[in-house]
């Protein structure tokens, strides 16, 4: 398999794992806080989600840049 395919596959799997962590762990925390009307905890949950989303976006942009350059 060419190097760019391998990099895309590995980083794509990392992105899926990050999404799973956000959706099945961090989002549940946000959902519980909103259902309880605890807006401070909801804000804290969103603050913990935001860097992971930024990481996923950065990985996606990195994948595109890497494959265009290779």
Protein backbone atom coordinates (compact mmCIF):
# COMPACT_ATOMS: atom_id res chain seq x y z
CA UNK A 1 0.00 0.00 0.00
CA UNK A 2 1.42 3.45 -0.82
CA UNK A 3 2.53 5.68 2.04
CA UNK A 4 -0.25 8.22 1.53
CA UNK A 5 -2.91 5.49 1.75
CA UNK A 6 -1.39 4.19 4.95
CA UNK A 7 -1.29 7.66 6.51
CA UNK A 8 -4.88 8.34 5.44
CA UNK A 9 -6.03 5.04 6.90
CA UNK A 10 -4.27 5.46 10.25
CA UNK A 11 -5.37 9.06 10.71
CA UNK A 12 -8.88 8.23 9.52
CA UNK A 13 -9.15 5.52 12.16
CA UNK A 14 -7.87 8.00 14.76
CA UNK A 15 -10.56 10.45 13.66
CA UNK A 16 -13.27 7.79 14.01
CA UNK A 17 -12.02 6.92 17.50
CA UNK A 18 -12.02 10.59 18.51
CA UNK A 19 -15.56 10.97 17.17
CA UNK A 20 -16.66 7.91 19.14
CA UNK A 21 -15.15 9.34 22.32
CA UNK A 22 -16.94 12.65 21.74
CA UNK A 23 -20.28 11.07 20.87
CA UNK A 24 -20.47 8.26 23.41
CA UNK A 25 -18.67 9.82 26.36
CA UNK A 26 -18.49 13.60 26.28
CA UNK A 27 -21.83 14.18 24.57
CA UNK A 28 -23.62 12.05 27.18
CA UNK A 29 -22.24 14.34 29.86
CA UNK A 30 -23.57 17.36 27.95
CA UNK A 31 -26.96 15.70 27.40
CA UNK A 32 -27.34 14.89 31.11
CA UNK A 33 -26.43 18.44 32.13
CA UNK A 34 -28.90 19.99 29.69
CA UNK A 35 -31.67 17.59 30.74
CA UNK A 36 -31.07 18.54 34.38
CA UNK A 37 -30.95 22.24 33.54
CA UNK A 38 -27.42 22.49 34.94
CA UNK A 39 -26.06 25.07 32.51
CA UNK A 40 -22.71 25.43 34.27
CA UNK A 41 -22.02 21.71 33.88
CA UNK A 42 -23.28 21.92 30.29
CA UNK A 43 -20.82 24.70 29.56
CA UNK A 44 -18.03 22.65 31.10
CA UNK A 45 -19.03 19.67 28.96
CA UNK A 46 -18.96 21.83 25.83
CA UNK A 47 -15.56 23.17 26.86
CA UNK A 48 -14.26 19.59 27.02
CA UNK A 49 -15.75 18.73 23.60
CA UNK A 50 -14.35 21.74 21.75
CA UNK A 51 -10.62 20.77 21.75
CA UNK A 52 -11.41 17.27 20.52
CA UNK A 53 -13.46 18.65 17.63
CA UNK A 54 -10.60 21.02 16.78
CA UNK A 55 -8.20 18.06 16.85
CA UNK A 56 -10.42 16.12 14.46
CA UNK A 57 -10.64 19.08 12.09
CA UNK A 58 -6.87 19.52 12.20
CA UNK A 59 -6.35 15.84 11.43
CA UNK A 60 -8.74 16.05 8.47
CA UNK A 61 -6.99 19.11 7.05
CA UNK A 62 -3.64 17.43 7.67
CA UNK A 63 -4.75 14.35 5.74
CA UNK A 64 -5.85 16.42 2.77
CA UNK A 65 -2.63 18.48 2.76
CA UNK A 66 -0.44 15.40 3.09
CA UNK A 67 -2.10 13.56 0.23
CA UNK A 68 -1.94 16.59 -2.03
CA UNK A 69 1.77 17.00 -1.38
CA UNK A 70 2.75 13.34 -1.77
